[in-house]
PDB file of N, CA and C in Angstrom:
ATOM      1  N   MET A   1      92.261  28.715 152.984  1.00  0.00           N
ATOM      2  CA  MET A   1      91.142  27.823 152.734  1.00  0.00           C
ATOM      3  C   MET A   1      91.628  26.385 152.936  1.00  0.00           C
ATOM      4  N   GLU A   2      90.794  25.567 153.559  1.00  0.00           N
ATOM      5  CA  GLU A   2      91.139  24.177 153.816  1.00  0.00           C
ATOM      6  C   GLU A   2      91.452  23.459 152.499  1.00  0.00           C
ATOM      7  N   GLN A   3      92.458  22.610 152.527  1.00  0.00           N
ATOM      8  CA  GLN A   3      92.989  21.983 151.319  1.00  0.00           C
ATOM      9  C   GLN A   3      91.914  21.271 150.497  1.00  0.00           C
ATOM     10  N   ALA A   4      91.096  20.430 151.113  1.00  0.00           N
ATOM     11  CA  ALA A   4      90.088  19.667 150.364  1.00  0.00           C
ATOM     12  C   ALA A   4      89.077  20.596 149.687  1.00  0.00           C
ATOM     13  N   LYS A   5      88.681  21.664 150.360  1.00  0.00           N
ATOM     14  CA  LYS A   5      87.721  22.615 149.791  1.00  0.00           C
ATOM     15  C   LYS A   5      88.326  23.329 148.589  1.00  0.00           C
ATOM     16  N   LEU A   6      89.586  23.764 148.710  1.00  0.00           N
ATOM     17  CA  LEU A   6      90.240  24.460 147.606  1.00  0.00           C
ATOM     18  C   LEU A   6      90.389  23.538 146.396  1.00  0.00           C
ATOM     19  N   ILE A   7      90.780  22.291 146.628  1.00  0.00           N
ATOM     20  CA  ILE A   7      90.928  21.325 145.532  1.00  0.00           C
ATOM     21  C   ILE A   7      89.582  21.114 144.837  1.00  0.00           C
ATOM     22  N   GLU A   8      88.517  20.975 145.621  1.00  0.00           N
ATOM     23  CA  GLU A   8      87.177  20.805 145.046  1.00  0.00           C
ATOM     24  C   GLU A   8      86.804  22.002 144.168  1.00  0.00           C
ATOM     25  N   LEU A   9      87.081  23.214 144.634  1.00  0.00           N
ATOM     26  CA  LEU A   9      86.754  24.415 143.865  1.00  0.00           C
ATOM     27  C   LEU A   9      87.605  24.529 142.601  1.00  0.00           C
ATOM     28  N   CYS A  10      88.843  24.053 142.651  1.00  0.00           N
ATOM     29  CA  CYS A  10      89.688  24.047 141.449  1.00  0.00           C
ATOM     30  C   CYS A  10      89.179  23.020 140.440  1.00  0.00           C
ATOM     31  N   ARG A  11      88.765  21.867 140.923  1.00  0.00           N
ATOM     32  CA  ARG A  11      88.259  20.822 140.023  1.00  0.00           C
ATOM     33  C   ARG A  11      86.977  21.247 139.318  1.00  0.00           C
ATOM     34  N   THR A  12      86.164  22.067 139.963  1.00  0.00           N
ATOM     35  CA  THR A  12      84.911  22.527 139.354  1.00  0.00           C
ATOM     36  C   THR A  12      85.089  23.854 138.616  1.00  0.00           C
ATOM     37  N   ASN A  13      86.329  24.293 138.484  1.00  0.00           N
ATOM     38  CA  ASN A  13      86.677  25.540 137.790  1.00  0.00           C
ATOM     39  C   ASN A  13      86.102  26.791 138.442  1.00  0.00           C
ATOM     40  N   THR A  14      85.743  26.707 139.716  1.00  0.00           N
ATOM     41  CA  THR A  14      85.335  27.890 140.470  1.00  0.00           C
ATOM     42  C   THR A  14      86.567  28.722 140.800  1.00  0.00           C
ATOM     43  N   LEU A  15      87.675  28.029 141.102  1.00  0.00           N
ATOM     44  CA  LEU A  15      88.974  28.666 141.319  1.00  0.00           C
ATOM     45  C   LEU A  15      89.961  28.105 140.314  1.00  0.00           C
ATOM     46  N   THR A  16      90.983  28.887 140.001  1.00  0.00           N
ATOM     47  CA  THR A  16      92.085  28.435 139.158  1.00  0.00           C
ATOM     48  C   THR A  16      93.274  28.166 140.064  1.00  0.00           C
ATOM     49  N   ALA A  17      93.817  26.943 140.008  1.00  0.00           N
ATOM     50  CA  ALA A  17      94.996  26.626 140.814  1.00  0.00           C
ATOM     51  C   ALA A  17      96.105  27.614 140.475  1.00  0.00           C
ATOM     52  N   THR A  18      96.759  28.138 141.513  1.00  0.00           N
ATOM     53  CA  THR A  18      97.760  29.184 141.330  1.00  0.00           C
ATOM     54  C   THR A  18      98.936  28.950 142.264  1.00  0.00           C
ATOM     55  N   ILE A  19     100.131  29.182 141.743  1.00  0.00           N
ATOM     56  CA  ILE A  19     101.367  29.120 142.528  1.00  0.00           C
ATOM     57  C   ILE A  19     101.992  30.503 142.449  1.00  0.00           C
ATOM     58  N   ILE A  20     102.275  31.107 143.605  1.00  0.00           N
ATOM     59  CA  ILE A  20     102.847  32.452 143.635  1.00  0.00           C
ATOM     60  C   ILE A  20     104.252  32.408 144.214  1.00  0.00           C
ATOM     61  N   SER A  21     105.161  33.109 143.544  1.00  0.00           N
ATOM     62  CA  SER A  21     106.537  33.253 144.024  1.00  0.00           C
ATOM     63  C   SER A  21     106.923  34.724 143.951  1.00  0.00           C
ATOM     64  N   THR A  22     107.739  35.143 144.891  1.00  0.00           N
ATOM     65  CA  THR A  22     108.276  36.500 144.883  1.00  0.00           C
ATOM     66  C   THR A  22     109.752  36.406 144.546  1.00  0.00           C
ATOM     67  N   ALA A  23     110.235  37.306 143.713  1.00  0.00           N
ATOM     68  CA  ALA A  23     111.639  37.293 143.283  1.00  0.00           C
ATOM     69  C   ALA A  23     112.575  37.141 144.477  1.00  0.00           C
ATOM     70  N   ASP A  24     113.578  36.317 144.311  1.00  0.00           N
ATOM     71  CA  ASP A  24     114.619  36.062 145.311  1.00  0.00           C
ATOM     72  C   ASP A  24     114.120  35.365 146.565  1.00  0.00           C
ATOM     73  N   SER A  25     112.928  34.800 146.537  1.00  0.00           N
ATOM     74  CA  SER A  25     112.409  34.060 147.686  1.00  0.00           C
ATOM     75  C   SER A  25     112.369  32.577 147.339  1.00  0.00           C
ATOM     76  N   PRO A  26     112.777  31.719 148.272  1.00  0.00           N
ATOM     77  CA  PRO A  26     112.735  30.280 148.009  1.00  0.00           C
ATOM     78  C   PRO A  26     111.379  29.655 148.341  1.00  0.00           C
ATOM     79  N   HIS A  27     110.349  30.469 148.524  1.00  0.00           N
ATOM     80  CA  HIS A  27     109.040  29.958 148.910  1.00  0.00           C
ATOM     81  C   HIS A  27     108.017  30.132 147.789  1.00  0.00           C
ATOM     82  N   TYR A  28     107.181  29.128 147.637  1.00  0.00           N
ATOM     83  CA  TYR A  28     106.140  29.117 146.619  1.00  0.00           C
ATOM     84  C   TYR A  28     104.808  28.865 147.318  1.00  0.00           C
ATOM     85  N   LEU A  29     103.913  29.835 147.258  1.00  0.00           N
ATOM     86  CA  LEU A  29     102.616  29.743 147.912  1.00  0.00           C
ATOM     87  C   LEU A  29     101.642  29.039 146.973  1.00  0.00           C
ATOM     88  N   VAL A  30     100.974  28.013 147.478  1.00  0.00           N
ATOM     89  CA  VAL A  30     100.050  27.203 146.684  1.00  0.00           C
ATOM     90  C   VAL A  30      98.619  27.588 147.057  1.00  0.00           C
ATOM     91  N   GLY A  31      97.783  27.791 146.044  1.00  0.00           N
ATOM     92  CA  GLY A  31      96.393  28.143 146.327  1.00  0.00           C
ATOM     93  C   GLY A  31      95.555  28.211 145.075  1.00  0.00           C
ATOM     94  N   GLY A  32      94.526  29.042 145.135  1.00  0.00           N
ATOM     95  CA  GLY A  32      93.622  29.208 144.006  1.00  0.00           C
ATOM     96  C   GLY A  32      93.185  30.651 143.884  1.00  0.00           C
ATOM     97  N   GLU A  33      92.798  31.022 142.671  1.00  0.00           N
ATOM     98  CA  GLU A  33      92.381  32.393 142.392  1.00  0.00           C
ATOM     99  C   GLU A  33      90.986  32.378 141.779  1.00  0.00           C
ATOM    100  N   ASP A  34      90.133  33.308 142.226  1.00  0.00           N
ATOM    101  CA  ASP A  34      88.790  33.390 141.653  1.00  0.00           C
ATOM    102  C   ASP A  34      88.774  34.323 140.449  1.00  0.00           C
ATOM    103  N   SER A  35      87.606  34.483 139.843  1.00  0.00           N
ATOM    104  CA  SER A  35      87.497  35.273 138.612  1.00  0.00           C
ATOM    105  C   SER A  35      87.748  36.763 138.828  1.00  0.00           C
ATOM    106  N   GLN A  36      87.709  37.233 140.072  1.00  0.00           N
ATOM    107  CA  GLN A  36      88.009  38.639 140.362  1.00  0.00           C
ATOM    108  C   GLN A  36      89.478  38.861 140.728  1.00  0.00           C
ATOM    109  N   GLY A  37      90.281  37.794 140.698  1.00  0.00           N
ATOM    110  CA  GLY A  37      91.694  37.924 141.013  1.00  0.00           C
ATOM    111  C   GLY A  37      92.027  37.782 142.486  1.00  0.00           C
ATOM    112  N   ASN A  38      91.068  37.359 143.306  1.00  0.00           N
ATOM    113  CA  ASN A  38      91.328  37.138 144.729  1.00  0.00           C
ATOM    114  C   ASN A  38      92.033  35.799 144.910  1.00  0.00           C
ATOM    115  N   PHE A  39      93.126  35.798 145.677  1.00  0.00           N
ATOM    116  CA  PHE A  39      93.903  34.583 145.913  1.00  0.00           C
ATOM    117  C   PHE A  39      93.522  33.982 147.258  1.00  0.00           C
ATOM    118  N   TYR A  40      93.355  32.665 147.278  1.00  0.00           N
ATOM    119  CA  TYR A  40      93.055  31.922 148.500  1.00  0.00           C
ATOM    120  C   TYR A  40      94.162  30.893 148.691  1.00  0.00           C
ATOM    121  N   SER A  41      94.896  30.998 149.787  1.00  0.00           N
ATOM    122  CA  SER A  41      95.977  30.044 150.013  1.00  0.00           C
ATOM    123  C   SER A  41      95.398  28.697 150.432  1.00  0.00           C
ATOM    124  N   MET A  42      96.085  27.641 150.014  1.00  0.00           N
ATOM    125  CA  MET A  42      95.718  26.293 150.420  1.00  0.00           C
ATOM    126  C   MET A  42      96.310  26.083 151.813  1.00  0.00           C
ATOM    127  N   ASN A  43      95.465  25.745 152.775  1.00  0.00           N
ATOM    128  CA  ASN A  43      95.927  25.591 154.151  1.00  0.00           C
ATOM    129  C   ASN A  43      95.957  24.131 154.562  1.00  0.00           C
ATOM    130  N   ASN A  44      96.883  23.811 155.470  1.00  0.00           N
ATOM    131  CA  ASN A  44      96.983  22.459 155.998  1.00  0.00           C
ATOM    132  C   ASN A  44      95.990  22.280 157.151  1.00  0.00           C
ATOM    133  N   ARG A  45      96.063  21.154 157.822  1.00  0.00           N
ATOM    134  CA  ARG A  45      95.118  20.856 158.913  1.00  0.00           C
ATOM    135  C   ARG A  45      95.246  21.813 160.093  1.00  0.00           C
ATOM    136  N   GLU A  46      96.402  22.434 160.241  1.00  0.00           N
ATOM    137  CA  GLU A  46      96.609  23.414 161.316  1.00  0.00           C
ATOM    138  C   GLU A  46      96.224  24.816 160.860  1.00  0.00           C
ATOM    139  N   ASP A  47      95.578  24.922 159.706  1.00  0.00           N
ATOM    140  CA  ASP A  47      95.132  26.182 159.109  1.00  0.00           C
ATOM    141  C   ASP A  47      96.298  27.113 158.770  1.00  0.00           C
ATOM    142  N   GLN A  48      97.447  26.527 158.451  1.00  0.00           N
ATOM    143  CA  GLN A  48      98.618  27.286 158.014  1.00  0.00           C
ATOM    144  C   GLN A  48      98.744  27.159 156.497  1.00  0.00           C
ATOM    145  N   PRO A  49      99.128  28.234 155.811  1.00  0.00           N
ATOM    146  CA  PRO A  49      99.296  28.157 154.350  1.00  0.00           C
ATOM    147  C   PRO A  49     100.321  27.094 153.961  1.00  0.00           C
ATOM    148  N   ILE A  50     100.026  26.383 152.883  1.00  0.00           N
ATOM    149  CA  ILE A  50     100.981  25.407 152.356  1.00  0.00           C
ATOM    150  C   ILE A  50     101.992  26.172 151.511  1.00  0.00           C
ATOM    151  N   VAL A  51     103.249  26.081 151.909  1.00  0.00           N
ATOM    152  CA  VAL A  51     104.336  26.775 151.227  1.00  0.00           C
ATOM    153  C   VAL A  51     105.337  25.724 150.771  1.00  0.00           C
ATOM    154  N   ALA A  52     105.622  25.691 149.476  1.00  0.00           N
ATOM    155  CA  ALA A  52     106.587  24.748 148.918  1.00  0.00           C
ATOM    156  C   ALA A  52     107.958  25.416 148.833  1.00  0.00           C
ATOM    157  N   ASN A  53     108.996  24.598 148.776  1.00  0.00           N
ATOM    158  CA  ASN A  53     110.367  25.111 148.700  1.00  0.00           C
ATOM    159  C   ASN A  53     110.879  25.228 147.272  1.00  0.00           C
ATOM    160  N   SER A  54     110.081  24.784 146.307  1.00  0.00           N
ATOM    161  CA  SER A  54     110.468  24.902 144.900  1.00  0.00           C
ATOM    162  C   SER A  54     109.201  24.863 144.050  1.00  0.00           C
ATOM    163  N   LEU A  55     109.324  25.289 142.819  1.00  0.00           N
ATOM    164  CA  LEU A  55     108.193  25.216 141.899  1.00  0.00           C
ATOM    165  C   LEU A  55     107.792  23.761 141.691  1.00  0.00           C
ATOM    166  N   GLU A  56     108.769  22.893 141.567  1.00  0.00           N
ATOM    167  CA  GLU A  56     108.486  21.470 141.366  1.00  0.00           C
ATOM    168  C   GLU A  56     107.709  20.892 142.548  1.00  0.00           C
ATOM    169  N   GLN A  57     108.098  21.253 143.760  1.00  0.00           N
ATOM    170  CA  GLN A  57     107.395  20.772 144.950  1.00  0.00           C
ATOM    171  C   GLN A  57     105.950  21.293 144.978  1.00  0.00           C
ATOM    172  N   ALA A  58     105.739  22.531 144.573  1.00  0.00           N
ATOM    173  CA  ALA A  58     104.384  23.099 144.514  1.00  0.00           C
ATOM    174  C   ALA A  58     103.533  22.332 143.500  1.00  0.00           C
ATOM    175  N   LYS A  59     104.121  21.992 142.350  1.00  0.00           N
ATOM    176  CA  LYS A  59     103.394  21.222 141.340  1.00  0.00           C
ATOM    177  C   LYS A  59     103.042  19.832 141.863  1.00  0.00           C
ATOM    178  N   VAL A  60     103.942  19.221 142.627  1.00  0.00           N
ATOM    179  CA  VAL A  60     103.690  17.893 143.199  1.00  0.00           C
ATOM    180  C   VAL A  60     102.500  17.942 144.158  1.00  0.00           C
ATOM    181  N   VAL A  61     102.414  18.995 144.967  1.00  0.00           N
ATOM    182  CA  VAL A  61     101.279  19.155 145.890  1.00  0.00           C
ATOM    183  C   VAL A  61      99.967  19.167 145.111  1.00  0.00           C
ATOM    184  N   LEU A  62      99.919  19.941 144.042  1.00  0.00           N
ATOM    185  CA  LEU A  62      98.697  20.020 143.245  1.00  0.00           C
ATOM    186  C   LEU A  62      98.413  18.706 142.521  1.00  0.00           C
ATOM    187  N   LYS A  63      99.441  18.134 141.901  1.00  0.00           N
ATOM    188  CA  LYS A  63      99.262  16.892 141.143  1.00  0.00           C
ATOM    189  C   LYS A  63      98.792  15.753 142.052  1.00  0.00           C
ATOM    190  N   ALA A  64      99.306  15.703 143.280  1.00  0.00           N
ATOM    191  CA  ALA A  64      98.890  14.672 144.235  1.00  0.00           C
ATOM    192  C   ALA A  64      97.408  14.793 144.589  1.00  0.00           C
ATOM    193  N   ASN A  65      96.843  15.952 144.328  1.00  0.00           N
ATOM    194  CA  ASN A  65      95.429  16.194 144.603  1.00  0.00           C
ATOM    195  C   ASN A  65      94.582  16.220 143.331  1.00  0.00           C
ATOM    196  N   GLY A  66      95.131  15.697 142.236  1.00  0.00           N
ATOM    197  CA  GLY A  66      94.374  15.571 140.999  1.00  0.00           C
ATOM    198  C   GLY A  66      94.316  16.816 140.137  1.00  0.00           C
ATOM    199  N   ILE A  67      95.142  17.804 140.434  1.00  0.00           N
ATOM    200  CA  ILE A  67      95.187  19.036 139.643  1.00  0.00           C
ATOM    201  C   ILE A  67      96.380  18.938 138.697  1.00  0.00           C
ATOM    202  N   ASP A  68      96.161  19.125 137.393  1.00  0.00           N
ATOM    203  CA  ASP A  68      97.250  18.959 136.430  1.00  0.00           C
ATOM    204  C   ASP A  68      97.623  20.243 135.690  1.00  0.00           C
ATOM    205  N   ARG A  69      97.077  21.370 136.139  1.00  0.00           N
ATOM    206  CA  ARG A  69      97.453  22.657 135.535  1.00  0.00           C
ATOM    207  C   ARG A  69      97.289  23.755 136.574  1.00  0.00           C
ATOM    208  N   ALA A  70      98.068  24.805 136.393  1.00  0.00           N
ATOM    209  CA  ALA A  70      98.013  25.937 137.322  1.00  0.00           C
ATOM    210  C   ALA A  70      98.580  27.169 136.639  1.00  0.00           C
ATOM    211  N   ILE A  71      98.305  28.302 137.223  1.00  0.00           N
ATOM    212  CA  ILE A  71      98.932  29.551 136.818  1.00  0.00           C
ATOM    213  C   ILE A  71     100.113  29.780 137.754  1.00  0.00           C
ATOM    214  N   PHE A  72     101.270  30.060 137.181  1.00  0.00           N
ATOM    215  CA  PHE A  72     102.451  30.409 137.978  1.00  0.00           C
ATOM    216  C   PHE A  72     102.603  31.919 137.901  1.00  0.00           C
ATOM    217  N   GLU A  73     102.624  32.562 139.052  1.00  0.00           N
ATOM    218  CA  GLU A  73     102.730  34.016 139.117  1.00  0.00           C
ATOM    219  C   GLU A  73     104.024  34.401 139.830  1.00  0.00           C
ATOM    220  N   MET A  74     104.847  35.175 139.145  1.00  0.00           N
ATOM    221  CA  MET A  74     106.103  35.664 139.718  1.00  0.00           C
ATOM    222  C   MET A  74     105.945  37.150 139.994  1.00  0.00           C
ATOM    223  N   GLN A  75     106.138  37.524 141.246  1.00  0.00           N
ATOM    224  CA  GLN A  75     106.030  38.926 141.638  1.00  0.00           C
ATOM    225  C   GLN A  75     107.416  39.454 141.977  1.00  0.00           C
ATOM    226  N   THR A  76     107.662  40.717 141.652  1.00  0.00           N
ATOM    227  CA  THR A  76     108.927  41.345 142.009  1.00  0.00           C
ATOM    228  C   THR A  76     108.660  42.733 142.586  1.00  0.00           C
ATOM    229  N   PRO A  77     109.235  43.031 143.740  1.00  0.00           N
ATOM    230  CA  PRO A  77     109.006  44.333 144.364  1.00  0.00           C
ATOM    231  C   PRO A  77     110.023  45.390 143.948  1.00  0.00           C
ATOM    232  N   TYR A  78     111.010  45.029 143.150  1.00  0.00           N
ATOM    233  CA  TYR A  78     112.144  45.925 142.932  1.00  0.00           C
ATOM    234  C   TYR A  78     111.803  47.189 142.162  1.00  0.00           C
ATOM    235  N   ASP A  79     110.983  47.096 141.117  1.00  0.00           N
ATOM    236  CA  ASP A  79     110.623  48.303 140.371  1.00  0.00           C
ATOM    237  C   ASP A  79     109.896  49.298 141.269  1.00  0.00           C
ATOM    238  N   GLU A  80     109.004  48.787 142.099  1.00  0.00           N
ATOM    239  CA  GLU A  80     108.257  49.648 143.017  1.00  0.00           C
ATOM    240  C   GLU A  80     109.210  50.363 143.988  1.00  0.00           C
ATOM    241  N   MET A  81     110.287  49.697 144.353  1.00  0.00           N
ATOM    242  CA  MET A  81     111.244  50.277 145.304  1.00  0.00           C
ATOM    243  C   MET A  81     111.965  51.493 144.730  1.00  0.00           C
ATOM    244  N   ILE A  82     112.051  51.571 143.397  1.00  0.00           N
ATOM    245  CA  ILE A  82     112.743  52.716 142.791  1.00  0.00           C
ATOM    246  C   ILE A  82     111.770  53.697 142.147  1.00  0.00           C
ATOM    247  N   GLY A  83     110.477  53.522 142.455  1.00  0.00           N
ATOM    248  CA  GLY A  83     109.486  54.475 141.976  1.00  0.00           C
ATOM    249  C   GLY A  83     108.826  54.134 140.656  1.00  0.00           C
ATOM    250  N   ALA A  84     109.155  53.000 140.077  1.00  0.00           N
ATOM    251  CA  ALA A  84     108.515  52.567 138.828  1.00  0.00           C
ATOM    252  C   ALA A  84     107.127  51.993 139.153  1.00  0.00           C
ATOM    253  N   PRO A  85     106.297  51.769 138.150  1.00  0.00           N
ATOM    254  CA  PRO A  85     104.972  51.192 138.411  1.00  0.00           C
ATOM    255  C   PRO A  85     105.065  49.897 139.220  1.00  0.00           C
ATOM    256  N   ALA A  86     104.121  49.728 140.132  1.00  0.00           N
ATOM    257  CA  ALA A  86     104.168  48.605 141.070  1.00  0.00           C
ATOM    258  C   ALA A  86     103.815  47.264 140.442  1.00  0.00           C
ATOM    259  N   ASP A  87     103.042  47.233 139.379  1.00  0.00           N
ATOM    260  CA  ASP A  87     102.581  45.968 138.824  1.00  0.00           C
ATOM    261  C   ASP A  87     103.608  45.370 137.870  1.00  0.00           C
ATOM    262  N   THR A  88     104.523  44.597 138.422  1.00  0.00           N
ATOM    263  CA  THR A  88     105.531  43.913 137.614  1.00  0.00           C
ATOM    264  C   THR A  88     105.364  42.403 137.771  1.00  0.00           C
ATOM    265  N   THR A  89     104.133  41.962 137.772  1.00  0.00           N
ATOM    266  CA  THR A  89     103.818  40.553 137.938  1.00  0.00           C
ATOM    267  C   THR A  89     103.820  39.861 136.581  1.00  0.00           C
ATOM    268  N   SER A  90     104.462  38.689 136.528  1.00  0.00           N
ATOM    269  CA  SER A  90     104.452  37.859 135.323  1.00  0.00           C
ATOM    270  C   SER A  90     103.638  36.611 135.614  1.00  0.00           C
ATOM    271  N   ARG A  91     102.832  36.182 134.644  1.00  0.00           N
ATOM    272  CA  ARG A  91     101.993  34.995 134.809  1.00  0.00           C
ATOM    273  C   ARG A  91     102.241  34.031 133.653  1.00  0.00           C
ATOM    274  N   LEU A  92     102.254  32.740 133.978  1.00  0.00           N
ATOM    275  CA  LEU A  92     102.508  31.703 132.994  1.00  0.00           C
ATOM    276  C   LEU A  92     101.602  30.511 133.291  1.00  0.00           C
ATOM    277  N   ALA A  93     100.918  30.007 132.277  1.00  0.00           N
ATOM    278  CA  ALA A  93     100.087  28.814 132.440  1.00  0.00           C
ATOM    279  C   ALA A  93     100.985  27.581 132.401  1.00  0.00           C
ATOM    280  N   LEU A  94     100.834  26.709 133.390  1.00  0.00           N
ATOM    281  CA  LEU A  94     101.620  25.478 133.473  1.00  0.00           C
ATOM    282  C   LEU A  94     100.704  24.271 133.327  1.00  0.00           C
ATOM    283  N   GLN A  95     101.188  23.252 132.641  1.00  0.00           N
ATOM    284  CA  GLN A  95     100.506  21.962 132.576  1.00  0.00           C
ATOM    285  C   GLN A  95     101.525  20.931 133.024  1.00  0.00           C
ATOM    286  N   PHE A  96     101.123  20.051 133.934  1.00  0.00           N
ATOM    287  CA  PHE A  96     102.061  19.055 134.465  1.00  0.00           C
ATOM    288  C   PHE A  96     101.387  17.723 134.666  1.00  0.00           C
TER     289      PHE A  96
END
């Protein structure tokens, strides 16, 4: 989703600003999530997802656009790889 549109939807509480990271990955995907849990990545002018290199950098992207809180979601694929339940996602509310 285009950056300005996503920011507008987050400001009106239609979407919740969300930062997603996968265990052992240095990339943080910035976007928003709707009430059904659908994630929409924030895209740049070239329609490419905005990916930060750190949690702090992801927060700066949101803060620069007037967003001061987000959900941080950490996903790990390792349990699924050994046959354990696939849903090992941790979520944390951030205020910055």
